[in-house]
Amino acid sequence: MRFQDSGSGFALWLSARETYAWAHRTGSSWPCSFLEGRRLFVGFDRNGLCDLTIDGGRGDQDCPGDELSAIVADHAKRKLGKDHPCYFVAIGQFEATT
């Protein structure tokens, strides 16, 4: 995983190996994953997703939003603090509230 924080946004790159591993992780797999084995780049600002590239722009660039949100949240939460301007749009809105 490569992660770049610009202060008001962030970029996340995942390799094909990382998306495959995410889709097949023990106890929390994603059956029939569209993104498994594909390279993924996303860019976020405080309003949400502003850039998406799958496999370097080759082939289908559409993907299920729930899967995209889940893979981004799972990886970005390791790097973003809760006070980051993008935290809510990338992670916080998907967290369970109790």
PDB file of N, CA and C in Angstrom:
ATOM      1  N   MET A   1       0.841  -1.170   0.000  1.00  0.00           N
ATOM      2  CA  MET A   1       0.000   0.000   0.000  1.00  0.00           C
ATOM      3  C   MET A   1       0.887   1.234   0.000  1.00  0.00           C
ATOM      4  N   ARG A   2       0.503   2.140  -0.835  1.00  0.00           N
ATOM      5  CA  ARG A   2       1.152   3.448  -0.821  1.00  0.00           C
ATOM      6  C   ARG A   2       0.090   4.457  -0.449  1.00  0.00           C
ATOM      7  N   PHE A   3       0.428   5.396   0.425  1.00  0.00           N
ATOM      8  CA  PHE A   3      -0.523   6.375   0.936  1.00  0.00           C
ATOM      9  C   PHE A   3       0.139   7.736   0.946  1.00  0.00           C
ATOM     10  N   GLN A   4      -0.573   8.747   0.468  1.00  0.00           N
ATOM     11  CA  GLN A   4      -0.045  10.110   0.471  1.00  0.00           C
ATOM     12  C   GLN A   4      -1.112  11.040   1.047  1.00  0.00           C
ATOM     13  N   ASP A   5      -0.768  11.724   2.114  1.00  0.00           N
ATOM     14  CA  ASP A   5      -1.671  12.659   2.780  1.00  0.00           C
ATOM     15  C   ASP A   5      -1.258  14.077   2.406  1.00  0.00           C
ATOM     16  N   SER A   6      -2.170  14.822   1.808  1.00  0.00           N
ATOM     17  CA  SER A   6      -1.862  16.200   1.426  1.00  0.00           C
ATOM     18  C   SER A   6      -2.348  17.214   2.456  1.00  0.00           C
ATOM     19  N   GLY A   7      -2.910  16.737   3.547  1.00  0.00           N
ATOM     20  CA  GLY A   7      -3.437  17.630   4.569  1.00  0.00           C
ATOM     21  C   GLY A   7      -4.932  17.870   4.399  1.00  0.00           C
ATOM     22  N   SER A   8      -5.355  18.163   3.168  1.00  0.00           N
ATOM     23  CA  SER A   8      -6.779  18.368   2.901  1.00  0.00           C
ATOM     24  C   SER A   8      -7.376  17.219   2.096  1.00  0.00           C
ATOM     25  N   GLY A   9      -6.551  16.252   1.750  1.00  0.00           N
ATOM     26  CA  GLY A   9      -6.992  15.095   0.982  1.00  0.00           C
ATOM     27  C   GLY A   9      -5.981  13.976   1.116  1.00  0.00           C
ATOM     28  N   PHE A  10      -6.245  12.889   0.440  1.00  0.00           N
ATOM     29  CA  PHE A  10      -5.279  11.798   0.440  1.00  0.00           C
ATOM     30  C   PHE A  10      -5.400  10.986  -0.837  1.00  0.00           C
ATOM     31  N   ALA A  11      -4.344  10.261  -1.132  1.00  0.00           N
ATOM     32  CA  ALA A  11      -4.308   9.333  -2.260  1.00  0.00           C
ATOM     33  C   ALA A  11      -3.878   7.979  -1.725  1.00  0.00           C
ATOM     34  N   LEU A  12      -4.448   6.929  -2.297  1.00  0.00           N
ATOM     35  CA  LEU A  12      -4.185   5.563  -1.868  1.00  0.00           C
ATOM     36  C   LEU A  12      -3.974   4.694  -3.100  1.00  0.00           C
ATOM     37  N   TRP A  13      -2.870   3.962  -3.102  1.00  0.00           N
ATOM     38  CA  TRP A  13      -2.563   3.019  -4.166  1.00  0.00           C
ATOM     39  C   TRP A  13      -2.505   1.629  -3.564  1.00  0.00           C
ATOM     40  N   LEU A  14      -3.189   0.674  -4.195  1.00  0.00           N
ATOM     41  CA  LEU A  14      -3.131  -0.725  -3.778  1.00  0.00           C
ATOM     42  C   LEU A  14      -2.711  -1.566  -4.969  1.00  0.00           C
ATOM     43  N   SER A  15      -1.798  -2.489  -4.743  1.00  0.00           N
ATOM     44  CA  SER A  15      -1.331  -3.378  -5.804  1.00  0.00           C
ATOM     45  C   SER A  15      -2.356  -4.498  -6.024  1.00  0.00           C
ATOM     46  N   ALA A  16      -2.176  -5.232  -7.108  1.00  0.00           N
ATOM     47  CA  ALA A  16      -3.030  -6.387  -7.389  1.00  0.00           C
ATOM     48  C   ALA A  16      -2.920  -7.416  -6.269  1.00  0.00           C
ATOM     49  N   ARG A  17      -1.732  -7.602  -5.741  1.00  0.00           N
ATOM     50  CA  ARG A  17      -1.531  -8.543  -4.639  1.00  0.00           C
ATOM     51  C   ARG A  17      -2.284  -8.081  -3.390  1.00  0.00           C
ATOM     52  N   GLU A  18      -2.274  -6.794  -3.116  1.00  0.00           N
ATOM     53  CA  GLU A  18      -2.968  -6.268  -1.926  1.00  0.00           C
ATOM     54  C   GLU A  18      -4.486  -6.374  -2.054  1.00  0.00           C
ATOM     55  N   THR A  19      -5.030  -6.110  -3.244  1.00  0.00           N
ATOM     56  CA  THR A  19      -6.483  -6.237  -3.406  1.00  0.00           C
ATOM     57  C   THR A  19      -6.911  -7.700  -3.334  1.00  0.00           C
ATOM     58  N   TYR A  20      -6.078  -8.598  -3.847  1.00  0.00           N
ATOM     59  CA  TYR A  20      -6.379 -10.028  -3.742  1.00  0.00           C
ATOM     60  C   TYR A  20      -6.371 -10.460  -2.268  1.00  0.00           C
ATOM     61  N   ALA A  21      -5.341 -10.059  -1.543  1.00  0.00           N
ATOM     62  CA  ALA A  21      -5.228 -10.427  -0.125  1.00  0.00           C
ATOM     63  C   ALA A  21      -6.399  -9.874   0.671  1.00  0.00           C
ATOM     64  N   TRP A  22      -6.825  -8.646   0.370  1.00  0.00           N
ATOM     65  CA  TRP A  22      -7.957  -8.040   1.079  1.00  0.00           C
ATOM     66  C   TRP A  22      -9.237  -8.837   0.821  1.00  0.00           C
ATOM     67  N   ALA A  23      -9.470  -9.231  -0.413  1.00  0.00           N
ATOM     68  CA  ALA A  23     -10.694  -9.949  -0.767  1.00  0.00           C
ATOM     69  C   ALA A  23     -10.739 -11.357  -0.175  1.00  0.00           C
ATOM     70  N   HIS A  24      -9.576 -11.915   0.189  1.00  0.00           N
ATOM     71  CA  HIS A  24      -9.513 -13.290   0.684  1.00  0.00           C
ATOM     72  C   HIS A  24      -9.022 -13.395   2.124  1.00  0.00           C
ATOM     73  N   ARG A  25      -9.075 -12.313   2.874  1.00  0.00           N
ATOM     74  CA  ARG A  25      -8.563 -12.362   4.239  1.00  0.00           C
ATOM     75  C   ARG A  25      -9.445 -13.238   5.123  1.00  0.00           C
ATOM     76  N   THR A  26      -8.833 -13.895   6.054  1.00  0.00           N
ATOM     77  CA  THR A  26      -9.516 -14.821   6.947  1.00  0.00           C
ATOM     78  C   THR A  26     -10.511 -14.083   7.828  1.00  0.00           C
ATOM     79  N   GLY A  27     -11.719 -14.596   7.888  1.00  0.00           N
ATOM     80  CA  GLY A  27     -12.737 -14.053   8.770  1.00  0.00           C
ATOM     81  C   GLY A  27     -13.454 -12.833   8.249  1.00  0.00           C
ATOM     82  N   SER A  28     -13.036 -12.310   7.116  1.00  0.00           N
ATOM     83  CA  SER A  28     -13.670 -11.112   6.595  1.00  0.00           C
ATOM     84  C   SER A  28     -13.469 -11.014   5.087  1.00  0.00           C
ATOM     85  N   SER A  29     -13.722 -12.098   4.374  1.00  0.00           N
ATOM     86  CA  SER A  29     -13.482 -12.133   2.931  1.00  0.00           C
ATOM     87  C   SER A  29     -14.584 -11.389   2.182  1.00  0.00           C
ATOM     88  N   TRP A  30     -14.336 -11.107   0.918  1.00  0.00           N
ATOM     89  CA  TRP A  30     -15.308 -10.436   0.054  1.00  0.00           C
ATOM     90  C   TRP A  30     -15.550 -11.356  -1.143  1.00  0.00           C
ATOM     91  N   PRO A  31     -16.540 -12.270  -1.039  1.00  0.00           N
ATOM     92  CA  PRO A  31     -16.812 -13.209  -2.133  1.00  0.00           C
ATOM     93  C   PRO A  31     -17.205 -12.465  -3.411  1.00  0.00           C
ATOM     94  N   CYS A  32     -16.818 -12.978  -4.531  1.00  0.00           N
ATOM     95  CA  CYS A  32     -17.141 -12.399  -5.844  1.00  0.00           C
ATOM     96  C   CYS A  32     -16.627 -10.970  -5.980  1.00  0.00           C
ATOM     97  N   SER A  33     -15.486 -10.690  -5.411  1.00  0.00           N
ATOM     98  CA  SER A  33     -14.898  -9.358  -5.454  1.00  0.00           C
ATOM     99  C   SER A  33     -14.603  -8.927  -6.891  1.00  0.00           C
ATOM    100  N   PHE A  34     -15.010  -7.711  -7.228  1.00  0.00           N
ATOM    101  CA  PHE A  34     -14.667  -7.129  -8.522  1.00  0.00           C
ATOM    102  C   PHE A  34     -13.230  -6.627  -8.512  1.00  0.00           C
ATOM    103  N   LEU A  35     -12.779  -6.130  -7.375  1.00  0.00           N
ATOM    104  CA  LEU A  35     -11.461  -5.499  -7.287  1.00  0.00           C
ATOM    105  C   LEU A  35     -10.318  -6.468  -7.015  1.00  0.00           C
ATOM    106  N   GLU A  36     -10.611  -7.704  -6.628  1.00  0.00           N
ATOM    107  CA  GLU A  36      -9.545  -8.648  -6.301  1.00  0.00           C
ATOM    108  C   GLU A  36      -8.602  -8.830  -7.484  1.00  0.00           C
ATOM    109  N   GLY A  37      -7.317  -8.733  -7.213  1.00  0.00           N
ATOM    110  CA  GLY A  37      -6.309  -8.930  -8.246  1.00  0.00           C
ATOM    111  C   GLY A  37      -6.153  -7.758  -9.209  1.00  0.00           C
ATOM    112  N   ARG A  38      -6.745  -6.624  -8.878  1.00  0.00           N
ATOM    113  CA  ARG A  38      -6.616  -5.431  -9.723  1.00  0.00           C
ATOM    114  C   ARG A  38      -5.859  -4.351  -8.969  1.00  0.00           C
ATOM    115  N   ARG A  39      -5.125  -3.542  -9.717  1.00  0.00           N
ATOM    116  CA  ARG A  39      -4.464  -2.390  -9.104  1.00  0.00           C
ATOM    117  C   ARG A  39      -5.502  -1.288  -8.925  1.00  0.00           C
ATOM    118  N   LEU A  40      -5.410  -0.563  -7.826  1.00  0.00           N
ATOM    119  CA  LEU A  40      -6.405   0.451  -7.504  1.00  0.00           C
ATOM    120  C   LEU A  40      -5.729   1.737  -7.066  1.00  0.00           C
ATOM    121  N   PHE A  41      -6.206   2.848  -7.598  1.00  0.00           N
ATOM    122  CA  PHE A  41      -5.792   4.172  -7.137  1.00  0.00           C
ATOM    123  C   PHE A  41      -7.055   4.959  -6.837  1.00  0.00           C
ATOM    124  N   VAL A  42      -7.089   5.596  -5.660  1.00  0.00           N
ATOM    125  CA  VAL A  42      -8.180   6.504  -5.317  1.00  0.00           C
ATOM    126  C   VAL A  42      -7.612   7.803  -4.765  1.00  0.00           C
ATOM    127  N   GLY A  43      -8.308   8.870  -5.040  1.00  0.00           N
ATOM    128  CA  GLY A  43      -7.993  10.174  -4.462  1.00  0.00           C
ATOM    129  C   GLY A  43      -9.233  10.703  -3.776  1.00  0.00           C
ATOM    130  N   PHE A  44      -9.071  11.238  -2.592  1.00  0.00           N
ATOM    131  CA  PHE A  44     -10.186  11.783  -1.813  1.00  0.00           C
ATOM    132  C   PHE A  44      -9.882  13.211  -1.405  1.00  0.00           C
ATOM    133  N   ASP A  45     -10.933  14.022  -1.333  1.00  0.00           N
ATOM    134  CA  ASP A  45     -10.856  15.312  -0.668  1.00  0.00           C
ATOM    135  C   ASP A  45     -11.988  15.330   0.358  1.00  0.00           C
ATOM    136  N   ARG A  46     -12.191  16.443   1.003  1.00  0.00           N
ATOM    137  CA  ARG A  46     -13.188  16.486   2.084  1.00  0.00           C
ATOM    138  C   ARG A  46     -14.612  16.223   1.605  1.00  0.00           C
ATOM    139  N   ASN A  47     -14.848  16.300   0.294  1.00  0.00           N
ATOM    140  CA  ASN A  47     -16.173  16.022  -0.261  1.00  0.00           C
ATOM    141  C   ASN A  47     -16.357  14.568  -0.662  1.00  0.00           C
ATOM    142  N   GLY A  48     -15.283  13.790  -0.663  1.00  0.00           N
ATOM    143  CA  GLY A  48     -15.372  12.380  -1.009  1.00  0.00           C
ATOM    144  C   GLY A  48     -14.432  11.997  -2.133  1.00  0.00           C
ATOM    145  N   LEU A  49     -14.779  10.945  -2.828  1.00  0.00           N
ATOM    146  CA  LEU A  49     -13.964  10.414  -3.912  1.00  0.00           C
ATOM    147  C   LEU A  49     -13.866  11.428  -5.048  1.00  0.00           C
ATOM    148  N   CYS A  50     -12.645  11.731  -5.475  1.00  0.00           N
ATOM    149  CA  CYS A  50     -12.471  12.666  -6.590  1.00  0.00           C
ATOM    150  C   CYS A  50     -11.622  12.074  -7.706  1.00  0.00           C
ATOM    151  N   ASP A  51     -11.022  10.896  -7.486  1.00  0.00           N
ATOM    152  CA  ASP A  51     -10.230  10.246  -8.522  1.00  0.00           C
ATOM    153  C   ASP A  51     -10.246   8.738  -8.292  1.00  0.00           C
ATOM    154  N   LEU A  52     -10.435   7.992  -9.361  1.00  0.00           N
ATOM    155  CA  LEU A  52     -10.476   6.537  -9.295  1.00  0.00           C
ATOM    156  C   LEU A  52      -9.860   5.984 -10.569  1.00  0.00           C
ATOM    157  N   THR A  53      -8.885   5.105 -10.413  1.00  0.00           N
ATOM    158  CA  THR A  53      -8.285   4.422 -11.551  1.00  0.00           C
ATOM    159  C   THR A  53      -8.083   2.958 -11.175  1.00  0.00           C
ATOM    160  N   ILE A  54      -8.599   2.079 -12.018  1.00  0.00           N
ATOM    161  CA  ILE A  54      -8.463   0.645 -11.813  1.00  0.00           C
ATOM    162  C   ILE A  54      -7.567   0.093 -12.917  1.00  0.00           C
ATOM    163  N   ASP A  55      -6.559  -0.675 -12.537  1.00  0.00           N
ATOM    164  CA  ASP A  55      -5.610  -1.265 -13.492  1.00  0.00           C
ATOM    165  C   ASP A  55      -5.018  -0.230 -14.440  1.00  0.00           C
ATOM    166  N   GLY A  56      -4.640   0.907 -13.895  1.00  0.00           N
ATOM    167  CA  GLY A  56      -3.996   1.937 -14.700  1.00  0.00           C
ATOM    168  C   GLY A  56      -4.894   2.542 -15.763  1.00  0.00           C
ATOM    169  N   GLY A  57      -6.206   2.402 -15.613  1.00  0.00           N
ATOM    170  CA  GLY A  57      -7.153   2.960 -16.568  1.00  0.00           C
ATOM    171  C   GLY A  57      -7.516   2.012 -17.697  1.00  0.00           C
ATOM    172  N   ARG A  58      -6.979   0.820 -17.662  1.00  0.00           N
ATOM    173  CA  ARG A  58      -7.290  -0.160 -18.718  1.00  0.00           C
ATOM    174  C   ARG A  58      -8.526  -0.956 -18.322  1.00  0.00           C
ATOM    175  N   GLY A  59      -9.421  -1.145 -19.252  1.00  0.00           N
ATOM    176  CA  GLY A  59     -10.608  -1.946 -18.993  1.00  0.00           C
ATOM    177  C   GLY A  59     -11.685  -1.183 -18.255  1.00  0.00           C
ATOM    178  N   ASP A  60     -12.601  -1.937 -17.683  1.00  0.00           N
ATOM    179  CA  ASP A  60     -13.768  -1.376 -17.008  1.00  0.00           C
ATOM    180  C   ASP A  60     -13.343  -0.579 -15.774  1.00  0.00           C
ATOM    181  N   GLN A  61     -13.803   0.655 -15.690  1.00  0.00           N
ATOM    182  CA  GLN A  61     -13.478   1.506 -14.553  1.00  0.00           C
ATOM    183  C   GLN A  61     -14.638   1.617 -13.566  1.00  0.00           C
ATOM    184  N   ASP A  62     -15.734   0.958 -13.853  1.00  0.00           N
ATOM    185  CA  ASP A  62     -16.862   0.928 -12.928  1.00  0.00           C
ATOM    186  C   ASP A  62     -16.655  -0.221 -11.942  1.00  0.00           C
ATOM    187  N   CYS A  63     -17.019   0.030 -10.701  1.00  0.00           N
ATOM    188  CA  CYS A  63     -16.942  -1.039  -9.707  1.00  0.00           C
ATOM    189  C   CYS A  63     -18.040  -0.815  -8.674  1.00  0.00           C
ATOM    190  N   PRO A  64     -18.410  -1.860  -7.962  1.00  0.00           N
ATOM    191  CA  PRO A  64     -19.444  -1.719  -6.933  1.00  0.00           C
ATOM    192  C   PRO A  64     -19.008  -0.736  -5.844  1.00  0.00           C
ATOM    193  N   GLY A  65     -19.858   0.213  -5.568  1.00  0.00           N
ATOM    194  CA  GLY A  65     -19.537   1.243  -4.582  1.00  0.00           C
ATOM    195  C   GLY A  65     -19.335   0.709  -3.182  1.00  0.00           C
ATOM    196  N   ASP A  66     -20.098  -0.317  -2.805  1.00  0.00           N
ATOM    197  CA  ASP A  66     -19.941  -0.859  -1.457  1.00  0.00           C
ATOM    198  C   ASP A  66     -18.577  -1.509  -1.285  1.00  0.00           C
ATOM    199  N   GLU A  67     -18.114  -2.210  -2.310  1.00  0.00           N
ATOM    200  CA  GLU A  67     -16.793  -2.831  -2.229  1.00  0.00           C
ATOM    201  C   GLU A  67     -15.691  -1.783  -2.221  1.00  0.00           C
ATOM    202  N   LEU A  68     -15.822  -0.769  -3.072  1.00  0.00           N
ATOM    203  CA  LEU A  68     -14.829   0.301  -3.104  1.00  0.00           C
ATOM    204  C   LEU A  68     -14.759   1.010  -1.752  1.00  0.00           C
ATOM    205  N   SER A  69     -15.910   1.329  -1.189  1.00  0.00           N
ATOM    206  CA  SER A  69     -15.941   1.992   0.121  1.00  0.00           C
ATOM    207  C   SER A  69     -15.296   1.127   1.199  1.00  0.00           C
ATOM    208  N   ALA A  70     -15.575  -0.163   1.173  1.00  0.00           N
ATOM    209  CA  ALA A  70     -15.033  -1.070   2.189  1.00  0.00           C
ATOM    210  C   ALA A  70     -13.516  -1.203   2.088  1.00  0.00           C
ATOM    211  N   ILE A  71     -12.991  -1.376   0.885  1.00  0.00           N
ATOM    212  CA  ILE A  71     -11.544  -1.554   0.746  1.00  0.00           C
ATOM    213  C   ILE A  71     -10.801  -0.267   1.087  1.00  0.00           C
ATOM    214  N   VAL A  72     -11.358   0.882   0.704  1.00  0.00           N
ATOM    215  CA  VAL A  72     -10.721   2.159   1.041  1.00  0.00           C
ATOM    216  C   VAL A  72     -10.752   2.376   2.549  1.00  0.00           C
ATOM    217  N   ALA A  73     -11.903   2.164   3.170  1.00  0.00           N
ATOM    218  CA  ALA A  73     -12.010   2.370   4.618  1.00  0.00           C
ATOM    219  C   ALA A  73     -11.063   1.444   5.379  1.00  0.00           C
ATOM    220  N   ASP A  74     -10.987   0.193   4.971  1.00  0.00           N
ATOM    221  CA  ASP A  74     -10.109  -0.762   5.664  1.00  0.00           C
ATOM    222  C   ASP A  74      -8.639  -0.356   5.582  1.00  0.00           C
ATOM    223  N   HIS A  75      -8.223   0.196   4.472  1.00  0.00           N
ATOM    224  CA  HIS A  75      -6.819   0.577   4.325  1.00  0.00           C
ATOM    225  C   HIS A  75      -6.523   1.985   4.837  1.00  0.00           C
ATOM    226  N   ALA A  76      -7.414   2.928   4.593  1.00  0.00           N
ATOM    227  CA  ALA A  76      -7.162   4.318   4.997  1.00  0.00           C
ATOM    228  C   ALA A  76      -7.229   4.509   6.511  1.00  0.00           C
ATOM    229  N   LYS A  77      -8.012   3.678   7.207  1.00  0.00           N
ATOM    230  CA  LYS A  77      -8.128   3.855   8.657  1.00  0.00           C
ATOM    231  C   LYS A  77      -6.801   3.612   9.377  1.00  0.00           C
ATOM    232  N   ARG A  78      -5.888   2.923   8.723  1.00  0.00           N
ATOM    233  CA  ARG A  78      -4.557   2.710   9.309  1.00  0.00           C
ATOM    234  C   ARG A  78      -3.717   3.979   9.265  1.00  0.00           C
ATOM    235  N   LYS A  79      -4.073   4.897   8.383  1.00  0.00           N
ATOM    236  CA  LYS A  79      -3.236   6.074   8.143  1.00  0.00           C
ATOM    237  C   LYS A  79      -3.875   7.398   8.547  1.00  0.00           C
ATOM    238  N   LEU A  80      -5.201   7.489   8.508  1.00  0.00           N
ATOM    239  CA  LEU A  80      -5.878   8.762   8.777  1.00  0.00           C
ATOM    240  C   LEU A  80      -6.296   8.881  10.235  1.00  0.00           C
ATOM    241  N   GLY A  81      -6.019  10.014  10.816  1.00  0.00           N
ATOM    242  CA  GLY A  81      -6.519  10.294  12.156  1.00  0.00           C
ATOM    243  C   GLY A  81      -7.968  10.752  12.076  1.00  0.00           C
ATOM    244  N   LYS A  82      -8.700  10.599  13.153  1.00  0.00           N
ATOM    245  CA  LYS A  82     -10.114  10.992  13.164  1.00  0.00           C
ATOM    246  C   LYS A  82     -10.307  12.486  12.961  1.00  0.00           C
ATOM    247  N   ASP A  83      -9.255  13.274  13.126  1.00  0.00           N
ATOM    248  CA  ASP A  83      -9.365  14.716  12.922  1.00  0.00           C
ATOM    249  C   ASP A  83      -9.040  15.143  11.484  1.00  0.00           C
ATOM    250  N   HIS A  84      -8.704  14.191  10.624  1.00  0.00           N
ATOM    251  CA  HIS A  84      -8.385  14.513   9.224  1.00  0.00           C
ATOM    252  C   HIS A  84      -9.663  14.955   8.500  1.00  0.00           C
ATOM    253  N   PRO A  85      -9.584  15.965   7.628  1.00  0.00           N
ATOM    254  CA  PRO A  85     -10.772  16.447   6.918  1.00  0.00           C
ATOM    255  C   PRO A  85     -11.483  15.375   6.078  1.00  0.00           C
ATOM    256  N   CYS A  86     -10.793  14.333   5.684  1.00  0.00           N
ATOM    257  CA  CYS A  86     -11.394  13.275   4.854  1.00  0.00           C
ATOM    258  C   CYS A  86     -11.862  12.072   5.650  1.00  0.00           C
ATOM    259  N   TYR A  87     -11.628  12.066   6.953  1.00  0.00           N
ATOM    260  CA  TYR A  87     -11.935  10.874   7.739  1.00  0.00           C
ATOM    261  C   TYR A  87     -13.396  10.455   7.607  1.00  0.00           C
ATOM    262  N   PHE A  88     -14.314  11.388   7.763  1.00  0.00           N
ATOM    263  CA  PHE A  88     -15.727  11.013   7.743  1.00  0.00           C
ATOM    264  C   PHE A  88     -16.153  10.454   6.390  1.00  0.00           C
ATOM    265  N   VAL A  89     -15.762  11.106   5.290  1.00  0.00           N
ATOM    266  CA  VAL A  89     -16.224  10.648   3.972  1.00  0.00           C
ATOM    267  C   VAL A  89     -15.584   9.328   3.553  1.00  0.00           C
ATOM    268  N   ALA A  90     -14.377   9.044   4.038  1.00  0.00           N
ATOM    269  CA  ALA A  90     -13.686   7.819   3.637  1.00  0.00           C
ATOM    270  C   ALA A  90     -13.884   6.670   4.617  1.00  0.00           C
ATOM    271  N   ILE A  91     -14.108   6.984   5.888  1.00  0.00           N
ATOM    272  CA  ILE A  91     -14.142   5.944   6.920  1.00  0.00           C
ATOM    273  C   ILE A  91     -15.322   6.109   7.872  1.00  0.00           C
ATOM    274  N   GLY A  92     -15.454   7.273   8.463  1.00  0.00           N
ATOM    275  CA  GLY A  92     -16.396   7.512   9.550  1.00  0.00           C
ATOM    276  C   GLY A  92     -17.845   7.179   9.244  1.00  0.00           C
ATOM    277  N   GLN A  93     -18.290   7.472   8.026  1.00  0.00           N
ATOM    278  CA  GLN A  93     -19.699   7.212   7.706  1.00  0.00           C
ATOM    279  C   GLN A  93     -20.027   5.722   7.658  1.00  0.00           C
ATOM    280  N   PHE A  94     -19.009   4.872   7.612  1.00  0.00           N
ATOM    281  CA  PHE A  94     -19.230   3.429   7.548  1.00  0.00           C
ATOM    282  C   PHE A  94     -19.040   2.743   8.897  1.00  0.00           C
ATOM    283  N   GLU A  95     -18.614   3.488   9.889  1.00  0.00           N
ATOM    284  CA  GLU A  95     -18.395   2.914  11.213  1.00  0.00           C
ATOM    285  C   GLU A  95     -19.729   2.769  11.942  1.00  0.00           C
ATOM    286  N   ALA A  96     -19.845   1.692  12.670  1.00  0.00           N
ATOM    287  CA  ALA A  96     -21.061   1.476  13.457  1.00  0.00           C
ATOM    288  C   ALA A  96     -21.098   2.458  14.618  1.00  0.00           C
ATOM    289  N   THR A  97     -22.243   3.020  14.848  1.00  0.00           N
ATOM    290  CA  THR A  97     -22.412   3.916  15.989  1.00  0.00           C
ATOM    291  C   THR A  97     -23.261   3.215  17.027  1.00  0.00           C
ATOM    292  N   THR A  98     -22.807   3.262  18.260  1.00  0.00           N
ATOM    293  CA  THR A  98     -23.561   2.607  19.329  1.00  0.00           C
ATOM    294  C   THR A  98     -23.844   3.573  20.430  1.00  0.00           C
TER     295      THR A  98
END
